[in-house]
Amino acid sequence: MDNFLGKEYVMVSQENFDDYLVFMGVSYLNRKLAFSIKSIVCLIKNEDGTYSFIFKCKLATSNAKFIPGEKFIETKADGSKVEALITFEGNKMTHIQIESNGRTSTHLREFFPDRLIVTTTAKGFDKIVTRKFELVKVVSGGGVWGERDASCGRGGGGLVSLSWKRGARTPDPDARSVGPQPPAAPTPAAQVTSAAKKHNRPVYGDYDFWETRIL
């Protein structure tokens, strides 16, 4: 699993996820919000030997700190708490969540150099949920594409996460705010890419929002 530490993956597709959210009792509004944003996940190893699985999106951030094979109380992005257990086997991370009502979900995450595949099952749910994530890329100062290894929130004030829509305003690379910014006049895609190169910032793709988040 060490080969995948500190790498960020962004969700690009899903199957049966909405049905799963209905089964889990997620409201219609929150389900729509879940589909309108691009979630990013990252696994890191902390200095004390524990691990953190970080989830972040436009509206929320969560950090599940754990020791593989030991149960812990996890606070999800919506603020709810569940009993959780995470284990590693090769490139696979199994994440079990048990709610207070006994409802149990199992998320199997398979890490690859360029992607992450998440398969979710739940007791009493007759479908299999599949979510696909792609490795976040970054443009270096020399214009070379490479893997984004952002240390996912360690030191120096934390990870700065930027994303924007090509053809929309380029975000201020020095901004320290969280959330969407006021609309502005469109900026050509070439200028957005140029700004990414200049400031060594990630280009996540054709998002319909941009954010700056300090973890």
C-alpha atoms as a PDB file:
ATOM      1  CA  MET A   1       0.000   0.000   0.000  1.00  0.00           C
ATOM      2  CA  ASP A   2       3.000   2.314   0.474  1.00  0.00           C
ATOM      3  CA  ASN A   3       3.118   3.011  -3.281  1.00  0.00           C
ATOM      4  CA  PHE A   4      -0.245   4.773  -3.087  1.00  0.00           C
ATOM      5  CA  LEU A   5       0.264   6.924  -0.012  1.00  0.00           C
ATOM      6  CA  GLY A   6      -0.189  10.668  -0.485  1.00  0.00           C
ATOM      7  CA  LYS A   7      -1.780  10.323  -3.915  1.00  0.00           C
ATOM      8  CA  GLU A   8      -5.103  11.986  -4.664  1.00  0.00           C
ATOM      9  CA  TYR A   9      -7.882  10.350  -6.657  1.00  0.00           C
ATOM     10  CA  VAL A  10     -10.950  12.158  -8.010  1.00  0.00           C
ATOM     11  CA  MET A  11     -14.261  10.391  -8.709  1.00  0.00           C
ATOM     12  CA  VAL A  12     -15.182  10.253 -12.397  1.00  0.00           C
ATOM     13  CA  SER A  13     -18.070   7.760 -12.567  1.00  0.00           C
ATOM     14  CA  GLN A  14     -20.418   5.635 -10.472  1.00  0.00           C
ATOM     15  CA  GLU A  15     -22.966   2.847 -10.787  1.00  0.00           C
ATOM     16  CA  ASN A  16     -25.881   2.224  -8.384  1.00  0.00           C
ATOM     17  CA  PHE A  17     -24.598   4.897  -6.020  1.00  0.00           C
ATOM     18  CA  ASP A  18     -27.912   6.778  -5.918  1.00  0.00           C
ATOM     19  CA  ASP A  19     -29.805   3.587  -5.036  1.00  0.00           C
ATOM     20  CA  TYR A  20     -27.318   2.942  -2.249  1.00  0.00           C
ATOM     21  CA  LEU A  21     -27.808   6.447  -0.842  1.00  0.00           C
ATOM     22  CA  VAL A  22     -31.581   5.910  -0.871  1.00  0.00           C
ATOM     23  CA  PHE A  23     -31.097   2.633   1.001  1.00  0.00           C
ATOM     24  CA  MET A  24     -28.911   4.426   3.540  1.00  0.00           C
ATOM     25  CA  GLY A  25     -31.647   7.000   4.166  1.00  0.00           C
ATOM     26  CA  VAL A  26     -29.922   9.980   2.547  1.00  0.00           C
ATOM     27  CA  SER A  27     -32.377  12.746   1.680  1.00  0.00           C
ATOM     28  CA  TYR A  28     -33.217  13.714  -1.893  1.00  0.00           C
ATOM     29  CA  LEU A  29     -31.446  17.075  -1.565  1.00  0.00           C
ATOM     30  CA  ASN A  30     -28.274  15.552  -0.158  1.00  0.00           C
ATOM     31  CA  ARG A  31     -28.283  12.883  -2.866  1.00  0.00           C
ATOM     32  CA  LYS A  32     -28.445  15.556  -5.535  1.00  0.00           C
ATOM     33  CA  LEU A  33     -25.619  17.420  -3.864  1.00  0.00           C
ATOM     34  CA  ALA A  34     -23.553  14.231  -3.801  1.00  0.00           C
ATOM     35  CA  PHE A  35     -23.912  13.934  -7.570  1.00  0.00           C
ATOM     36  CA  SER A  36     -23.215  17.596  -8.304  1.00  0.00           C
ATOM     37  CA  ILE A  37     -19.731  17.631  -6.789  1.00  0.00           C
ATOM     38  CA  LYS A  38     -16.469  15.828  -7.468  1.00  0.00           C
ATOM     39  CA  SER A  39     -15.111  14.054  -4.424  1.00  0.00           C
ATOM     40  CA  ILE A  40     -11.393  13.538  -3.873  1.00  0.00           C
ATOM     41  CA  VAL A  41      -9.847  10.906  -1.592  1.00  0.00           C
ATOM     42  CA  CYS A  42      -6.335  10.335  -0.322  1.00  0.00           C
ATOM     43  CA  LEU A  43      -4.595   7.857   1.989  1.00  0.00           C
ATOM     44  CA  ILE A  44      -1.613   8.966   4.071  1.00  0.00           C
ATOM     45  CA  LYS A  45       0.569   7.536   6.833  1.00  0.00           C
ATOM     46  CA  ASN A  46       1.042   9.787   9.844  1.00  0.00           C
ATOM     47  CA  GLU A  47       4.273  10.290  11.768  1.00  0.00           C
ATOM     48  CA  ASP A  48       2.895   8.308  14.744  1.00  0.00           C
ATOM     49  CA  GLY A  49       2.389   5.216  12.575  1.00  0.00           C
ATOM     50  CA  THR A  50      -1.362   5.635  12.163  1.00  0.00           C
ATOM     51  CA  TYR A  51      -3.057   6.197   8.811  1.00  0.00           C
ATOM     52  CA  SER A  52      -5.577   8.782   7.653  1.00  0.00           C
ATOM     53  CA  PHE A  53      -8.100   8.348   4.881  1.00  0.00           C
ATOM     54  CA  ILE A  54      -9.103  11.824   3.747  1.00  0.00           C
ATOM     55  CA  PHE A  55     -12.276  12.674   1.846  1.00  0.00           C
ATOM     56  CA  LYS A  56     -12.884  16.170   0.558  1.00  0.00           C
ATOM     57  CA  CYS A  57     -15.255  17.895  -1.798  1.00  0.00           C
ATOM     58  CA  LYS A  58     -16.747  21.318  -2.357  1.00  0.00           C
ATOM     59  CA  LEU A  59     -19.009  21.129   0.682  1.00  0.00           C
ATOM     60  CA  ALA A  60     -17.293  18.953   3.271  1.00  0.00           C
ATOM     61  CA  THR A  61     -14.086  17.305   4.426  1.00  0.00           C
ATOM     62  CA  SER A  62     -13.521  14.268   6.626  1.00  0.00           C
ATOM     63  CA  ASN A  63     -10.400  12.636   8.019  1.00  0.00           C
ATOM     64  CA  ALA A  64     -10.643   9.054   9.288  1.00  0.00           C
ATOM     65  CA  LYS A  65      -7.555   8.372  11.410  1.00  0.00           C
ATOM     66  CA  PHE A  66      -7.017   4.674  12.092  1.00  0.00           C
ATOM     67  CA  ILE A  67      -4.726   1.749  12.818  1.00  0.00           C
ATOM     68  CA  PRO A  68      -5.240  -1.137  10.365  1.00  0.00           C
ATOM     69  CA  GLY A  69      -7.116  -4.004  11.983  1.00  0.00           C
ATOM     70  CA  GLU A  70      -8.367  -1.970  14.963  1.00  0.00           C
ATOM     71  CA  LYS A  71     -11.932  -0.710  15.348  1.00  0.00           C
ATOM     72  CA  PHE A  72     -12.446   3.033  15.744  1.00  0.00           C
ATOM     73  CA  ILE A  73     -15.211   5.635  15.758  1.00  0.00           C
ATOM     74  CA  GLU A  74     -15.333   7.421  12.431  1.00  0.00           C
ATOM     75  CA  THR A  75     -16.930  10.810  11.849  1.00  0.00           C
ATOM     76  CA  LYS A  76     -18.256  10.927   8.296  1.00  0.00           C
ATOM     77  CA  ALA A  77     -18.368  14.017   6.097  1.00  0.00           C
ATOM     78  CA  ASP A  78     -21.993  14.695   7.091  1.00  0.00           C
ATOM     79  CA  GLY A  79     -21.052  14.681  10.777  1.00  0.00           C
ATOM     80  CA  SER A  80     -22.587  11.294  11.615  1.00  0.00           C
ATOM     81  CA  LYS A  81     -20.532   8.754  13.577  1.00  0.00           C
ATOM     82  CA  VAL A  82     -20.116   5.067  12.784  1.00  0.00           C
ATOM     83  CA  GLU A  83     -18.067   2.189  14.128  1.00  0.00           C
ATOM     84  CA  ALA A  84     -15.409   1.417  11.533  1.00  0.00           C
ATOM     85  CA  LEU A  85     -12.693  -1.097  10.751  1.00  0.00           C
ATOM     86  CA  ILE A  86     -10.079  -0.748   8.002  1.00  0.00           C
ATOM     87  CA  THR A  87      -7.650  -3.444   6.861  1.00  0.00           C
ATOM     88  CA  PHE A  88      -5.012  -3.681   4.121  1.00  0.00           C
ATOM     89  CA  GLU A  89      -4.173  -6.574   1.826  1.00  0.00           C
ATOM     90  CA  GLY A  90      -1.796  -5.848  -1.049  1.00  0.00           C
ATOM     91  CA  ASN A  91      -3.291  -2.970  -3.034  1.00  0.00           C
ATOM     92  CA  LYS A  92      -6.717  -3.439  -1.413  1.00  0.00           C
ATOM     93  CA  MET A  93      -8.195  -1.491   1.465  1.00  0.00           C
ATOM     94  CA  THR A  94     -11.348  -2.899   3.074  1.00  0.00           C
ATOM     95  CA  HIS A  95     -13.402  -0.330   4.983  1.00  0.00           C
ATOM     96  CA  ILE A  96     -16.343  -1.557   7.084  1.00  0.00           C
ATOM     97  CA  GLN A  97     -18.798   0.933   8.581  1.00  0.00           C
ATOM     98  CA  ILE A  98     -21.475  -0.025  11.125  1.00  0.00           C
ATOM     99  CA  GLU A  99     -24.158   2.532  11.954  1.00  0.00           C
ATOM    100  CA  SER A 100     -25.893   2.836  15.326  1.00  0.00           C
ATOM    101  CA  ASN A 101     -28.947   1.032  13.892  1.00  0.00           C
ATOM    102  CA  GLY A 102     -26.779  -1.929  12.888  1.00  0.00           C
ATOM    103  CA  ARG A 103     -26.784  -1.146   9.176  1.00  0.00           C
ATOM    104  CA  THR A 104     -23.427  -2.261   7.772  1.00  0.00           C
ATOM    105  CA  SER A 105     -21.574  -1.164   4.634  1.00  0.00           C
ATOM    106  CA  THR A 106     -18.350  -2.575   3.211  1.00  0.00           C
ATOM    107  CA  HIS A 107     -16.207  -0.494   0.861  1.00  0.00           C
ATOM    108  CA  LEU A 108     -13.456  -2.358  -0.993  1.00  0.00           C
ATOM    109  CA  ARG A 109     -10.929   0.084  -2.453  1.00  0.00           C
ATOM    110  CA  GLU A 110      -8.463  -1.238  -5.019  1.00  0.00           C
ATOM    111  CA  PHE A 111      -5.570   1.135  -5.655  1.00  0.00           C
ATOM    112  CA  PHE A 112      -3.741   1.273  -8.983  1.00  0.00           C
ATOM    113  CA  PRO A 113      -1.037   3.649 -10.258  1.00  0.00           C
ATOM    114  CA  ASP A 114      -3.541   5.634 -12.326  1.00  0.00           C
ATOM    115  CA  ARG A 115      -6.926   4.880 -10.779  1.00  0.00           C
ATOM    116  CA  LEU A 116      -8.915   3.741  -7.767  1.00  0.00           C
ATOM    117  CA  ILE A 117     -11.893   1.382  -7.944  1.00  0.00           C
ATOM    118  CA  VAL A 118     -14.350   1.350  -5.028  1.00  0.00           C
ATOM    119  CA  THR A 119     -16.866  -1.481  -4.683  1.00  0.00           C
ATOM    120  CA  THR A 120     -19.539  -1.021  -2.019  1.00  0.00           C
ATOM    121  CA  THR A 121     -21.970  -3.567  -0.612  1.00  0.00           C
ATOM    122  CA  ALA A 122     -24.386  -3.284   2.304  1.00  0.00           C
ATOM    123  CA  LYS A 123     -26.300  -5.798   4.374  1.00  0.00           C
ATOM    124  CA  GLY A 124     -29.861  -5.905   3.009  1.00  0.00           C
ATOM    125  CA  PHE A 125     -28.961  -4.003  -0.173  1.00  0.00           C
ATOM    126  CA  ASP A 126     -29.275  -6.213  -3.271  1.00  0.00           C
ATOM    127  CA  LYS A 127     -27.031  -4.221  -5.597  1.00  0.00           C
ATOM    128  CA  ILE A 128     -23.299  -3.619  -5.905  1.00  0.00           C
ATOM    129  CA  VAL A 129     -22.073  -0.034  -6.059  1.00  0.00           C
ATOM    130  CA  THR A 130     -19.054   0.764  -8.204  1.00  0.00           C
ATOM    131  CA  ARG A 131     -17.263   4.101  -8.142  1.00  0.00           C
ATOM    132  CA  LYS A 132     -14.276   4.889 -10.314  1.00  0.00           C
ATOM    133  CA  PHE A 133     -11.618   7.459  -9.456  1.00  0.00           C
ATOM    134  CA  GLU A 134      -8.703   8.760 -11.514  1.00  0.00           C
ATOM    135  CA  LEU A 135      -5.329   9.897 -10.234  1.00  0.00           C
ATOM    136  CA  VAL A 136      -5.171  13.674  -9.982  1.00  0.00           C
ATOM    137  CA  LYS A 137      -2.537  15.122 -12.290  1.00  0.00           C
ATOM    138  CA  VAL A 138      -0.449  18.242 -11.863  1.00  0.00           C
ATOM    139  CA  VAL A 139       1.321  20.416 -14.414  1.00  0.00           C
ATOM    140  CA  SER A 140       4.896  21.247 -13.395  1.00  0.00           C
ATOM    141  CA  GLY A 141       6.567  24.572 -14.062  1.00  0.00           C
ATOM    142  CA  GLY A 142       8.060  23.101 -17.222  1.00  0.00           C
ATOM    143  CA  GLY A 143       4.662  22.000 -18.492  1.00  0.00           C
ATOM    144  CA  VAL A 144       5.242  18.316 -17.772  1.00  0.00           C
ATOM    145  CA  TRP A 145       2.331  16.218 -16.529  1.00  0.00           C
ATOM    146  CA  GLY A 146       3.027  14.098 -13.476  1.00  0.00           C
ATOM    147  CA  GLU A 147       1.373  12.442 -10.508  1.00  0.00           C
ATOM    148  CA  ARG A 148       0.044  14.720  -7.785  1.00  0.00           C
ATOM    149  CA  ASP A 149       1.680  13.834  -4.493  1.00  0.00           C
ATOM    150  CA  ALA A 150       0.440  16.561  -2.206  1.00  0.00           C
ATOM    151  CA  SER A 151       1.253  14.951   1.143  1.00  0.00           C
ATOM    152  CA  CYS A 152      -2.490  15.314   1.671  1.00  0.00           C
ATOM    153  CA  GLY A 153      -2.513  17.827   4.470  1.00  0.00           C
ATOM    154  CA  ARG A 154       0.876  17.471   6.165  1.00  0.00           C
ATOM    155  CA  GLY A 155       2.806  20.483   7.391  1.00  0.00           C
ATOM    156  CA  GLY A 156       3.155  23.972   5.993  1.00  0.00           C
ATOM    157  CA  GLY A 157      -0.444  24.928   6.714  1.00  0.00           C
ATOM    158  CA  GLY A 158      -1.822  21.861   4.974  1.00  0.00           C
ATOM    159  CA  LEU A 159      -2.851  20.903   1.504  1.00  0.00           C
ATOM    160  CA  VAL A 160      -4.190  23.601  -0.768  1.00  0.00           C
ATOM    161  CA  SER A 161      -6.772  22.105  -3.110  1.00  0.00           C
ATOM    162  CA  LEU A 162      -7.698  24.060  -6.238  1.00  0.00           C
ATOM    163  CA  SER A 163     -10.080  23.162  -9.023  1.00  0.00           C
ATOM    164  CA  TRP A 164     -11.865  25.105 -11.704  1.00  0.00           C
ATOM    165  CA  LYS A 165     -13.820  24.851 -14.934  1.00  0.00           C
ATOM    166  CA  ARG A 166     -11.807  25.300 -18.122  1.00  0.00           C
ATOM    167  CA  GLY A 167     -13.034  28.502 -19.743  1.00  0.00           C
ATOM    168  CA  ALA A 168     -14.026  30.010 -16.381  1.00  0.00           C
ATOM    169  CA  ARG A 169     -12.090  32.404 -14.195  1.00  0.00           C
ATOM    170  CA  THR A 170      -8.726  31.169 -12.985  1.00  0.00           C
ATOM    171  CA  PRO A 171      -8.681  30.994  -9.157  1.00  0.00           C
ATOM    172  CA  ASP A 172      -6.265  33.089  -7.177  1.00  0.00           C
ATOM    173  CA  PRO A 173      -3.438  30.651  -6.333  1.00  0.00           C
ATOM    174  CA  ASP A 174      -2.722  32.498  -3.103  1.00  0.00           C
ATOM    175  CA  ALA A 175      -6.328  32.509  -1.862  1.00  0.00           C
ATOM    176  CA  ARG A 176      -6.901  31.047   1.597  1.00  0.00           C
ATOM    177  CA  SER A 177     -10.696  30.855   1.498  1.00  0.00           C
ATOM    178  CA  VAL A 178     -13.056  27.904   1.271  1.00  0.00           C
ATOM    179  CA  GLY A 179     -15.966  27.512  -1.093  1.00  0.00           C
ATOM    180  CA  PRO A 180     -17.216  28.933  -4.376  1.00  0.00           C
ATOM    181  CA  GLN A 181     -16.295  32.440  -5.399  1.00  0.00           C
ATOM    182  CA  PRO A 182     -18.437  35.128  -7.090  1.00  0.00           C
ATOM    183  CA  PRO A 183     -18.829  34.706 -10.855  1.00  0.00           C
ATOM    184  CA  ALA A 184     -16.450  36.584 -13.117  1.00  0.00           C
ATOM    185  CA  ALA A 185     -15.859  37.106 -16.804  1.00  0.00           C
ATOM    186  CA  PRO A 186     -14.799  33.929 -18.614  1.00  0.00           C
ATOM    187  CA  THR A 187     -11.110  33.305 -19.135  1.00  0.00           C
ATOM    188  CA  PRO A 188      -9.878  31.337 -22.159  1.00  0.00           C
ATOM    189  CA  ALA A 189      -8.880  27.747 -21.378  1.00  0.00           C
ATOM    190  CA  ALA A 190      -5.324  28.490 -22.527  1.00  0.00           C
ATOM    191  CA  GLN A 191      -4.947  31.107 -19.803  1.00  0.00           C
ATOM    192  CA  VAL A 192      -6.233  28.678 -17.181  1.00  0.00           C
ATOM    193  CA  THR A 193      -3.661  26.094 -18.250  1.00  0.00           C
ATOM    194  CA  SER A 194      -0.938  28.745 -18.324  1.00  0.00           C
ATOM    195  CA  ALA A 195      -1.782  29.797 -14.762  1.00  0.00           C
ATOM    196  CA  ALA A 196      -1.653  26.172 -13.645  1.00  0.00           C
ATOM    197  CA  LYS A 197       1.847  25.821 -15.051  1.00  0.00           C
ATOM    198  CA  LYS A 198       3.034  29.105 -13.565  1.00  0.00           C
ATOM    199  CA  HIS A 199       1.876  28.273 -10.049  1.00  0.00           C
ATOM    200  CA  ASN A 200       2.456  24.516 -10.217  1.00  0.00           C
ATOM    201  CA  ARG A 201      -1.206  23.943  -9.418  1.00  0.00           C
ATOM    202  CA  PRO A 202      -3.312  20.851 -10.121  1.00  0.00           C
ATOM    203  CA  VAL A 203      -5.653  20.708 -13.085  1.00  0.00           C
ATOM    204  CA  TYR A 204      -8.507  18.419 -12.088  1.00  0.00           C
ATOM    205  CA  GLY A 205     -10.577  18.625 -15.271  1.00  0.00           C
ATOM    206  CA  ASP A 206     -13.785  20.191 -16.490  1.00  0.00           C
ATOM    207  CA  TYR A 207     -15.422  20.943 -13.151  1.00  0.00           C
ATOM    208  CA  ASP A 208     -18.377  23.236 -12.753  1.00  0.00           C
ATOM    209  CA  PHE A 209     -16.880  24.879  -9.673  1.00  0.00           C
ATOM    210  CA  TRP A 210     -13.577  25.752  -8.141  1.00  0.00           C
ATOM    211  CA  GLU A 211     -12.469  25.826  -4.561  1.00  0.00           C
ATOM    212  CA  THR A 212      -9.486  26.540  -2.356  1.00  0.00           C
ATOM    213  CA  ARG A 213      -9.355  24.433   0.784  1.00  0.00           C
ATOM    214  CA  ILE A 214      -6.804  24.314   3.576  1.00  0.00           C
ATOM    215  CA  LEU A 215      -6.858  21.017   5.461  1.00  0.00           C
END
